[in-house]
Amino acid sequence: MPPIPQQQAHPSGDNRFKLLDRTITKHQSRGDALIEVLHAAQGIFGYLENDLLLYVAHALKLPLSRVYGVATFYHFFALKPKGKHTFVLCMGTACYVKGATGIQQAVEHHCHIKFGETTPDDQVSLVSARCVGSCGLAPVAVVDNNVAAKLTPESAVARIEEWQKTKEEVPA
């Protein structure tokens, strides 16, 4: 009886790729499973860095442009490490018309970063979304997975200040 082949470690030595390979195999390396594979990859690695997107594209036999396009279209996917807290501002038409730009400016000024970035202390990530589907509550943000409705620049900054206050109260 021939010996049972053992699964080879990824060339990088990172065993998380074995977990990702299981998901890819489960979906039979089919390109139409791209979103599921990216979701698994982000769950395993925390975010989708460029080398990981290239790995997925190769494994699913898809052009990198398609993989990157899907990863950047959906606000769920992150191309950079996320902070402990996430502030996702809707920039859809209803939110934009009702003042999302003012909220964006106030939050960026308060955090000293732009949307798409994370504060240097890794506490807050600012993300913009094309639409979160809550137009009747505009302007809206998804704040740590909870919808915050009818925001003002002041109420948006107040939510971030709550996170910062909580961080200061926790002993190091």
N, C-alpha and C. Protein backbone atom coordinates (compact mmCIF):
# COMPACT_ATOMS: atom_id res chain seq x y z
N MET A 1 0.85 -1.17 0.00
CA MET A 1 0.00 0.00 0.00
C MET A 1 0.90 1.24 0.00
N PRO A 2 0.65 2.20 -0.92
CA PRO A 2 1.51 3.39 -0.98
C PRO A 2 1.25 4.29 0.23
N PRO A 3 2.28 5.05 0.64
CA PRO A 3 2.08 5.94 1.79
C PRO A 3 1.07 7.05 1.45
N ILE A 4 0.37 7.48 2.47
CA ILE A 4 -0.62 8.56 2.31
C ILE A 4 0.14 9.88 2.20
N PRO A 5 -0.09 10.63 1.11
CA PRO A 5 0.64 11.91 0.98
C PRO A 5 0.16 12.90 2.04
N GLN A 6 1.10 13.59 2.61
CA GLN A 6 0.76 14.60 3.61
C GLN A 6 0.60 15.94 2.91
N GLN A 7 -0.33 16.74 3.45
CA GLN A 7 -0.55 18.07 2.86
C GLN A 7 0.69 18.92 3.09
N GLN A 8 1.16 19.52 2.03
CA GLN A 8 2.35 20.36 2.12
C GLN A 8 2.02 21.70 2.76
N ALA A 9 2.94 22.21 3.52
CA ALA A 9 2.77 23.55 4.08
C ALA A 9 2.88 24.57 2.96
N HIS A 10 2.23 25.69 3.13
CA HIS A 10 2.35 26.77 2.16
C HIS A 10 3.81 27.21 2.13
N PRO A 11 4.31 27.60 0.97
CA PRO A 11 5.73 28.01 0.88
C PRO A 11 6.12 29.10 1.88
N SER A 12 5.16 29.95 2.28
CA SER A 12 5.48 31.00 3.24
C SER A 12 5.62 30.44 4.65
N GLY A 13 5.16 29.20 4.86
CA GLY A 13 5.19 28.63 6.20
C GLY A 13 3.97 29.01 7.03
N ASP A 14 3.07 29.80 6.47
CA ASP A 14 1.88 30.26 7.17
C ASP A 14 0.78 29.21 7.04
N ASN A 15 0.49 28.54 8.14
CA ASN A 15 -0.49 27.45 8.11
C ASN A 15 -1.93 27.93 7.90
N ARG A 16 -2.16 29.23 7.96
CA ARG A 16 -3.51 29.72 7.70
C ARG A 16 -3.93 29.44 6.26
N PHE A 17 -2.95 29.30 5.38
CA PHE A 17 -3.27 28.98 3.99
C PHE A 17 -3.89 27.59 3.87
N LYS A 18 -3.55 26.67 4.78
CA LYS A 18 -4.18 25.35 4.77
C LYS A 18 -5.68 25.49 5.00
N LEU A 19 -6.05 26.37 5.93
CA LEU A 19 -7.47 26.59 6.20
C LEU A 19 -8.17 27.18 4.98
N LEU A 20 -7.52 28.13 4.34
CA LEU A 20 -8.09 28.74 3.15
C LEU A 20 -8.20 27.71 2.02
N ASP A 21 -7.19 26.87 1.88
CA ASP A 21 -7.22 25.83 0.85
C ASP A 21 -8.39 24.88 1.05
N ARG A 22 -8.75 24.61 2.30
CA ARG A 22 -9.91 23.75 2.57
C ARG A 22 -11.18 24.38 2.02
N THR A 23 -11.32 25.69 2.23
CA THR A 23 -12.50 26.39 1.71
C THR A 23 -12.51 26.36 0.18
N ILE A 24 -11.36 26.60 -0.41
CA ILE A 24 -11.26 26.59 -1.88
C ILE A 24 -11.62 25.20 -2.40
N THR A 25 -11.12 24.16 -1.76
CA THR A 25 -11.42 22.78 -2.17
C THR A 25 -12.90 22.48 -1.97
N LYS A 26 -13.46 22.95 -0.88
CA LYS A 26 -14.89 22.73 -0.61
C LYS A 26 -15.74 23.29 -1.75
N HIS A 27 -15.30 24.39 -2.31
CA HIS A 27 -16.03 25.02 -3.42
C HIS A 27 -15.48 24.58 -4.78
N GLN A 28 -14.65 23.53 -4.78
CA GLN A 28 -14.11 22.92 -5.99
C GLN A 28 -13.36 23.92 -6.87
N SER A 29 -12.72 24.89 -6.26
CA SER A 29 -11.92 25.91 -6.96
C SER A 29 -12.71 26.63 -8.04
N ARG A 30 -14.01 26.76 -7.81
CA ARG A 30 -14.88 27.40 -8.80
C ARG A 30 -14.87 28.92 -8.61
N GLY A 31 -14.78 29.62 -9.72
CA GLY A 31 -14.76 31.08 -9.70
C GLY A 31 -16.03 31.70 -9.15
N ASP A 32 -17.17 30.99 -9.30
CA ASP A 32 -18.42 31.56 -8.80
C ASP A 32 -18.52 31.51 -7.28
N ALA A 33 -17.52 30.96 -6.61
CA ALA A 33 -17.47 30.94 -5.15
C ALA A 33 -16.56 32.05 -4.62
N LEU A 34 -16.26 33.03 -5.46
CA LEU A 34 -15.30 34.07 -5.08
C LEU A 34 -15.68 34.78 -3.79
N ILE A 35 -16.91 35.20 -3.65
CA ILE A 35 -17.30 35.93 -2.44
C ILE A 35 -17.14 35.06 -1.20
N GLU A 36 -17.56 33.80 -1.29
CA GLU A 36 -17.42 32.89 -0.15
C GLU A 36 -15.95 32.69 0.21
N VAL A 37 -15.11 32.54 -0.79
CA VAL A 37 -13.68 32.34 -0.55
C VAL A 37 -13.05 33.60 0.06
N LEU A 38 -13.41 34.78 -0.46
CA LEU A 38 -12.88 36.02 0.12
C LEU A 38 -13.36 36.19 1.56
N HIS A 39 -14.61 35.84 1.82
CA HIS A 39 -15.15 35.93 3.18
C HIS A 39 -14.35 35.02 4.12
N ALA A 40 -14.08 33.81 3.68
CA ALA A 40 -13.28 32.89 4.49
C ALA A 40 -11.86 33.42 4.68
N ALA A 41 -11.28 33.93 3.61
CA ALA A 41 -9.91 34.46 3.69
C ALA A 41 -9.82 35.60 4.70
N GLN A 42 -10.81 36.50 4.66
CA GLN A 42 -10.78 37.61 5.62
C GLN A 42 -10.99 37.10 7.04
N GLY A 43 -11.83 36.11 7.21
CA GLY A 43 -12.04 35.54 8.53
C GLY A 43 -10.78 34.90 9.08
N ILE A 44 -10.00 34.29 8.22
CA ILE A 44 -8.77 33.61 8.63
C ILE A 44 -7.63 34.61 8.86
N PHE A 45 -7.47 35.55 7.93
CA PHE A 45 -6.32 36.46 7.96
C PHE A 45 -6.62 37.82 8.59
N GLY A 46 -7.90 38.17 8.73
CA GLY A 46 -8.27 39.45 9.33
C GLY A 46 -8.54 40.54 8.30
N TYR A 47 -7.85 40.49 7.19
CA TYR A 47 -8.04 41.44 6.10
C TYR A 47 -7.44 40.85 4.84
N LEU A 48 -7.73 41.48 3.70
CA LEU A 48 -7.31 40.94 2.41
C LEU A 48 -6.16 41.75 1.83
N GLU A 49 -4.96 41.35 2.17
CA GLU A 49 -3.80 42.06 1.61
C GLU A 49 -3.58 41.64 0.17
N ASN A 50 -2.78 42.38 -0.56
CA ASN A 50 -2.58 42.14 -2.00
C ASN A 50 -2.12 40.73 -2.32
N ASP A 51 -1.17 40.18 -1.56
CA ASP A 51 -0.66 38.84 -1.83
C ASP A 51 -1.76 37.79 -1.65
N LEU A 52 -2.65 38.02 -0.71
CA LEU A 52 -3.76 37.09 -0.48
C LEU A 52 -4.76 37.14 -1.64
N LEU A 53 -5.02 38.34 -2.16
CA LEU A 53 -5.90 38.47 -3.32
C LEU A 53 -5.30 37.75 -4.53
N LEU A 54 -4.01 37.87 -4.69
CA LEU A 54 -3.32 37.18 -5.79
C LEU A 54 -3.42 35.66 -5.62
N TYR A 55 -3.27 35.19 -4.40
CA TYR A 55 -3.37 33.76 -4.10
C TYR A 55 -4.77 33.24 -4.46
N VAL A 56 -5.79 33.98 -4.06
CA VAL A 56 -7.18 33.59 -4.35
C VAL A 56 -7.42 33.60 -5.85
N ALA A 57 -6.95 34.63 -6.53
CA ALA A 57 -7.13 34.72 -7.99
C ALA A 57 -6.51 33.50 -8.68
N HIS A 58 -5.31 33.15 -8.26
CA HIS A 58 -4.62 32.01 -8.86
C HIS A 58 -5.37 30.71 -8.56
N ALA A 59 -5.79 30.54 -7.30
CA ALA A 59 -6.47 29.30 -6.89
C ALA A 59 -7.81 29.12 -7.60
N LEU A 60 -8.52 30.22 -7.86
CA LEU A 60 -9.83 30.14 -8.50
C LEU A 60 -9.75 30.33 -10.01
N LYS A 61 -8.52 30.52 -10.51
CA LYS A 61 -8.28 30.73 -11.95
C LYS A 61 -9.10 31.91 -12.48
N LEU A 62 -9.01 33.02 -11.74
CA LEU A 62 -9.70 34.25 -12.10
C LEU A 62 -8.69 35.36 -12.31
N PRO A 63 -9.02 36.35 -13.13
CA PRO A 63 -8.12 37.50 -13.26
C PRO A 63 -8.05 38.27 -11.93
N LEU A 64 -6.88 38.75 -11.61
CA LEU A 64 -6.72 39.52 -10.38
C LEU A 64 -7.65 40.72 -10.36
N SER A 65 -7.90 41.32 -11.52
CA SER A 65 -8.78 42.49 -11.59
C SER A 65 -10.19 42.16 -11.10
N ARG A 66 -10.67 40.96 -11.39
CA ARG A 66 -12.01 40.57 -10.93
C ARG A 66 -12.01 40.38 -9.41
N VAL A 67 -11.00 39.71 -8.89
CA VAL A 67 -10.91 39.48 -7.44
C VAL A 67 -10.80 40.81 -6.71
N TYR A 68 -9.95 41.69 -7.20
CA TYR A 68 -9.78 43.00 -6.58
C TYR A 68 -11.07 43.81 -6.69
N GLY A 69 -11.73 43.73 -7.83
CA GLY A 69 -12.99 44.45 -8.02
C GLY A 69 -14.05 44.04 -7.02
N VAL A 70 -14.19 42.76 -6.77
CA VAL A 70 -15.16 42.26 -5.80
C VAL A 70 -14.74 42.69 -4.38
N ALA A 71 -13.46 42.56 -4.07
CA ALA A 71 -12.98 42.90 -2.73
C ALA A 71 -13.15 44.39 -2.42
N THR A 72 -13.08 45.23 -3.43
CA THR A 72 -13.23 46.67 -3.19
C THR A 72 -14.67 47.15 -3.33
N PHE A 73 -15.52 46.37 -3.99
CA PHE A 73 -16.91 46.79 -4.17
C PHE A 73 -17.71 46.65 -2.88
N TYR A 74 -17.55 45.54 -2.19
CA TYR A 74 -18.34 45.28 -0.98
C TYR A 74 -17.65 45.87 0.24
N HIS A 75 -18.40 46.67 1.01
CA HIS A 75 -17.77 47.34 2.16
C HIS A 75 -17.39 46.37 3.26
N PHE A 76 -17.89 45.15 3.23
CA PHE A 76 -17.54 44.16 4.24
C PHE A 76 -16.06 43.80 4.18
N PHE A 77 -15.48 43.81 2.99
CA PHE A 77 -14.10 43.39 2.83
C PHE A 77 -13.15 44.53 3.17
N ALA A 78 -12.07 44.19 3.85
CA ALA A 78 -11.06 45.17 4.25
C ALA A 78 -9.72 44.82 3.61
N LEU A 79 -9.09 45.81 3.00
CA LEU A 79 -7.78 45.60 2.38
C LEU A 79 -6.64 45.99 3.31
N LYS A 80 -6.99 46.52 4.47
CA LYS A 80 -6.01 46.90 5.49
C LYS A 80 -6.51 46.38 6.82
N PRO A 81 -5.62 46.22 7.80
CA PRO A 81 -6.08 45.77 9.11
C PRO A 81 -7.11 46.75 9.68
N LYS A 82 -8.13 46.20 10.32
CA LYS A 82 -9.17 47.03 10.92
C LYS A 82 -8.82 47.37 12.35
N GLY A 83 -9.36 48.49 12.80
CA GLY A 83 -9.21 48.87 14.20
C GLY A 83 -10.17 48.09 15.08
N LYS A 84 -10.04 48.31 16.36
CA LYS A 84 -10.92 47.65 17.33
C LYS A 84 -12.38 48.04 17.08
N HIS A 85 -12.61 49.29 16.69
CA HIS A 85 -13.95 49.80 16.39
C HIS A 85 -14.01 50.24 14.94
N THR A 86 -15.19 50.07 14.34
CA THR A 86 -15.36 50.43 12.94
C THR A 86 -16.55 51.38 12.77
N PHE A 87 -16.31 52.47 12.05
CA PHE A 87 -17.33 53.47 11.74
C PHE A 87 -17.50 53.48 10.23
N VAL A 88 -18.62 52.90 9.74
CA VAL A 88 -18.88 52.81 8.31
C VAL A 88 -19.92 53.85 7.95
N LEU A 89 -19.53 54.88 7.24
CA LEU A 89 -20.43 55.96 6.85
C LEU A 89 -21.02 55.69 5.48
N CYS A 90 -22.34 55.73 5.40
CA CYS A 90 -23.02 55.55 4.12
C CYS A 90 -22.87 56.84 3.31
N MET A 91 -22.47 56.68 2.06
CA MET A 91 -22.34 57.83 1.15
C MET A 91 -23.31 57.72 -0.02
N GLY A 92 -24.37 56.92 0.16
CA GLY A 92 -25.40 56.80 -0.87
C GLY A 92 -26.11 58.13 -1.08
N THR A 93 -26.93 58.20 -2.09
CA THR A 93 -27.57 59.46 -2.47
C THR A 93 -28.34 60.11 -1.32
N ALA A 94 -29.19 59.35 -0.65
CA ALA A 94 -30.00 59.92 0.44
C ALA A 94 -29.11 60.44 1.57
N CYS A 95 -28.12 59.68 1.94
CA CYS A 95 -27.22 60.10 3.02
C CYS A 95 -26.39 61.31 2.60
N TYR A 96 -25.93 61.29 1.36
CA TYR A 96 -25.13 62.39 0.84
C TYR A 96 -25.94 63.69 0.86
N VAL A 97 -27.17 63.61 0.37
CA VAL A 97 -28.04 64.80 0.32
C VAL A 97 -28.35 65.32 1.71
N LYS A 98 -28.44 64.42 2.68
CA LYS A 98 -28.80 64.82 4.04
C LYS A 98 -27.61 65.09 4.95
N GLY A 99 -26.42 65.22 4.38
CA GLY A 99 -25.29 65.71 5.16
C GLY A 99 -24.16 64.77 5.48
N ALA A 100 -24.03 63.66 4.76
CA ALA A 100 -22.95 62.72 5.04
C ALA A 100 -21.57 63.35 4.87
N THR A 101 -21.44 64.30 3.96
CA THR A 101 -20.15 64.94 3.74
C THR A 101 -19.70 65.71 4.99
N GLY A 102 -20.63 66.40 5.64
CA GLY A 102 -20.30 67.11 6.88
C GLY A 102 -19.89 66.15 7.98
N ILE A 103 -20.56 65.01 8.05
CA ILE A 103 -20.20 63.99 9.04
C ILE A 103 -18.81 63.46 8.75
N GLN A 104 -18.55 63.19 7.48
CA GLN A 104 -17.23 62.69 7.08
C GLN A 104 -16.13 63.66 7.50
N GLN A 105 -16.32 64.94 7.21
CA GLN A 105 -15.30 65.94 7.55
C GLN A 105 -15.09 66.03 9.06
N ALA A 106 -16.18 66.00 9.82
CA ALA A 106 -16.08 66.11 11.28
C ALA A 106 -15.35 64.91 11.88
N VAL A 107 -15.67 63.73 11.40
CA VAL A 107 -15.07 62.51 11.93
C VAL A 107 -13.59 62.44 11.54
N GLU A 108 -13.27 62.78 10.29
CA GLU A 108 -11.87 62.79 9.87
C GLU A 108 -11.06 63.80 10.69
N HIS A 109 -11.62 64.96 10.92
CA HIS A 109 -10.93 65.99 11.71
C HIS A 109 -10.71 65.50 13.14
N HIS A 110 -11.72 64.89 13.72
CA HIS A 110 -11.61 64.42 15.10
C HIS A 110 -10.57 63.30 15.23
N CYS A 111 -10.56 62.37 14.28
CA CYS A 111 -9.67 61.21 14.37
C CYS A 111 -8.29 61.46 13.77
N HIS A 112 -8.13 62.55 13.03
CA HIS A 112 -6.87 62.88 12.36
C HIS A 112 -6.46 61.84 11.32
N ILE A 113 -7.46 61.21 10.69
CA ILE A 113 -7.22 60.26 9.60
C ILE A 113 -8.32 60.46 8.56
N LYS A 114 -8.11 59.89 7.39
CA LYS A 114 -9.09 59.92 6.32
C LYS A 114 -9.89 58.61 6.31
N PHE A 115 -11.05 58.64 5.65
CA PHE A 115 -11.82 57.41 5.50
C PHE A 115 -10.99 56.43 4.68
N GLY A 116 -11.03 55.16 5.09
CA GLY A 116 -10.21 54.13 4.49
C GLY A 116 -8.96 53.86 5.32
N GLU A 117 -8.79 54.61 6.41
CA GLU A 117 -7.61 54.45 7.27
C GLU A 117 -8.02 54.04 8.67
N THR A 118 -7.02 53.66 9.46
CA THR A 118 -7.20 53.28 10.86
C THR A 118 -6.29 54.16 11.69
N THR A 119 -6.77 54.56 12.87
CA THR A 119 -5.96 55.41 13.74
C THR A 119 -4.66 54.69 14.11
N PRO A 120 -3.59 55.44 14.37
CA PRO A 120 -2.30 54.82 14.69
C PRO A 120 -2.35 53.87 15.89
N ASP A 121 -3.29 54.09 16.82
CA ASP A 121 -3.40 53.19 17.98
C ASP A 121 -4.27 51.97 17.69
N ASP A 122 -4.69 51.80 16.43
CA ASP A 122 -5.52 50.67 15.98
C ASP A 122 -6.86 50.60 16.70
N GLN A 123 -7.37 51.73 17.15
CA GLN A 123 -8.65 51.74 17.86
C GLN A 123 -9.84 51.97 16.93
N VAL A 124 -9.70 52.85 15.93
CA VAL A 124 -10.84 53.24 15.10
C VAL A 124 -10.48 53.14 13.62
N SER A 125 -11.35 52.44 12.87
CA SER A 125 -11.24 52.40 11.40
C SER A 125 -12.41 53.18 10.84
N LEU A 126 -12.12 54.05 9.89
CA LEU A 126 -13.15 54.82 9.20
C LEU A 126 -13.32 54.22 7.81
N VAL A 127 -14.56 53.86 7.49
CA VAL A 127 -14.86 53.20 6.22
C VAL A 127 -16.06 53.91 5.60
N SER A 128 -16.03 54.09 4.29
CA SER A 128 -17.22 54.62 3.63
C SER A 128 -17.84 53.51 2.80
N ALA A 129 -19.16 53.54 2.69
CA ALA A 129 -19.89 52.54 1.92
C ALA A 129 -20.74 53.24 0.87
N ARG A 130 -20.93 52.59 -0.26
CA ARG A 130 -21.76 53.17 -1.32
C ARG A 130 -23.20 53.30 -0.87
N CYS A 131 -23.71 52.30 -0.15
CA CYS A 131 -25.07 52.34 0.39
C CYS A 131 -25.22 51.23 1.40
N VAL A 132 -25.86 51.51 2.52
CA VAL A 132 -26.10 50.46 3.51
C VAL A 132 -27.57 50.03 3.53
N GLY A 133 -28.39 50.63 2.65
CA GLY A 133 -29.76 50.20 2.50
C GLY A 133 -30.72 50.69 3.57
N SER A 134 -30.41 51.80 4.21
CA SER A 134 -31.28 52.37 5.24
C SER A 134 -31.59 53.82 4.89
N CYS A 135 -32.02 54.05 3.66
CA CYS A 135 -32.19 55.40 3.14
C CYS A 135 -33.19 56.23 3.94
N GLY A 136 -34.21 55.61 4.49
CA GLY A 136 -35.21 56.33 5.27
C GLY A 136 -34.67 56.87 6.58
N LEU A 137 -33.51 56.41 7.00
CA LEU A 137 -32.90 56.83 8.26
C LEU A 137 -31.72 57.77 8.04
N ALA A 138 -31.55 58.24 6.82
CA ALA A 138 -30.38 59.03 6.43
C ALA A 138 -30.24 60.32 7.26
N PRO A 139 -28.99 60.73 7.46
CA PRO A 139 -27.73 60.05 7.16
C PRO A 139 -27.44 58.95 8.18
N VAL A 140 -26.84 57.86 7.69
CA VAL A 140 -26.65 56.63 8.46
C VAL A 140 -25.19 56.23 8.48
N ALA A 141 -24.81 55.63 9.61
CA ALA A 141 -23.51 54.95 9.71
C ALA A 141 -23.75 53.61 10.39
N VAL A 142 -22.89 52.67 10.10
CA VAL A 142 -22.91 51.40 10.82
C VAL A 142 -21.73 51.48 11.78
N VAL A 143 -22.06 51.53 13.06
CA VAL A 143 -21.07 51.77 14.11
C VAL A 143 -20.92 50.47 14.89
N ASP A 144 -19.78 49.81 14.74
CA ASP A 144 -19.57 48.49 15.34
C ASP A 144 -20.76 47.57 15.10
N ASN A 145 -21.16 47.47 13.84
CA ASN A 145 -22.24 46.58 13.37
C ASN A 145 -23.64 46.99 13.82
N ASN A 146 -23.81 48.18 14.36
CA ASN A 146 -25.13 48.69 14.74
C ASN A 146 -25.44 49.93 13.90
N VAL A 147 -26.66 50.00 13.37
CA VAL A 147 -27.04 51.14 12.55
C VAL A 147 -27.29 52.36 13.44
N ALA A 148 -26.63 53.45 13.10
CA ALA A 148 -26.83 54.73 13.79
C ALA A 148 -27.55 55.64 12.80
N ALA A 149 -28.79 56.03 13.14
CA ALA A 149 -29.65 56.76 12.20
C ALA A 149 -29.66 58.25 12.47
N LYS A 150 -29.98 59.00 11.42
CA LYS A 150 -30.16 60.46 11.47
C LYS A 150 -29.01 61.15 12.22
N LEU A 151 -27.81 60.77 11.82
CA LEU A 151 -26.61 61.32 12.44
C LEU A 151 -26.41 62.79 12.10
N THR A 152 -25.72 63.46 12.99
CA THR A 152 -25.22 64.80 12.75
C THR A 152 -23.70 64.71 12.93
N PRO A 153 -22.96 65.70 12.48
CA PRO A 153 -21.52 65.66 12.73
C PRO A 153 -21.21 65.53 14.23
N GLU A 154 -21.99 66.20 15.06
CA GLU A 154 -21.74 66.16 16.51
C GLU A 154 -22.03 64.78 17.09
N SER A 155 -23.15 64.16 16.67
CA SER A 155 -23.48 62.85 17.23
C SER A 155 -22.51 61.77 16.74
N ALA A 156 -22.01 61.91 15.52
CA ALA A 156 -21.03 60.95 15.00
C ALA A 156 -19.74 61.03 15.79
N VAL A 157 -19.25 62.25 16.03
CA VAL A 157 -18.02 62.43 16.80
C VAL A 157 -18.23 61.94 18.24
N ALA A 158 -19.42 62.16 18.81
CA ALA A 158 -19.71 61.72 20.17
C ALA A 158 -19.58 60.20 20.29
N ARG A 159 -20.01 59.47 19.27
CA ARG A 159 -19.89 58.01 19.31
C ARG A 159 -18.42 57.59 19.34
N ILE A 160 -17.59 58.26 18.58
CA ILE A 160 -16.17 57.93 18.58
C ILE A 160 -15.53 58.31 19.90
N GLU A 161 -15.96 59.44 20.48
CA GLU A 161 -15.44 59.85 21.78
C GLU A 161 -15.78 58.82 22.86
N GLU A 162 -16.95 58.15 22.74
CA GLU A 162 -17.30 57.09 23.69
C GLU A 162 -16.28 55.96 23.64
N TRP A 163 -15.84 55.58 22.43
CA TRP A 163 -14.83 54.54 22.30
C TRP A 163 -13.52 54.98 22.94
N GLN A 164 -13.17 56.23 22.70
CA GLN A 164 -11.90 56.73 23.23
C GLN A 164 -11.93 56.82 24.75
N LYS A 165 -13.08 57.20 25.29
CA LYS A 165 -13.22 57.29 26.75
C LYS A 165 -13.12 55.89 27.37
N THR A 166 -13.76 54.91 26.74
CA THR A 166 -13.71 53.53 27.23
C THR A 166 -12.28 53.04 27.24
N LYS A 167 -11.52 53.36 26.19
CA LYS A 167 -10.11 52.93 26.11
C LYS A 167 -9.30 53.54 27.25
N GLU A 168 -9.56 54.81 27.57
CA GLU A 168 -8.80 55.50 28.62
C GLU A 168 -9.13 54.94 30.00
N GLU A 169 -10.36 54.43 30.19
CA GLU A 169 -10.77 53.93 31.50
C GLU A 169 -10.22 52.55 31.79
N VAL A 170 -9.88 51.79 30.74
CA VAL A 170 -9.36 50.44 30.93
C VAL A 170 -7.90 50.53 31.34
N PRO A 171 -7.54 49.91 32.51
CA PRO A 171 -6.14 49.95 32.93
C PRO A 171 -5.26 49.13 32.00
N ALA A 172 -4.07 49.63 31.73
CA ALA A 172 -3.14 48.96 30.81
C ALA A 172 -2.40 47.83 31.47
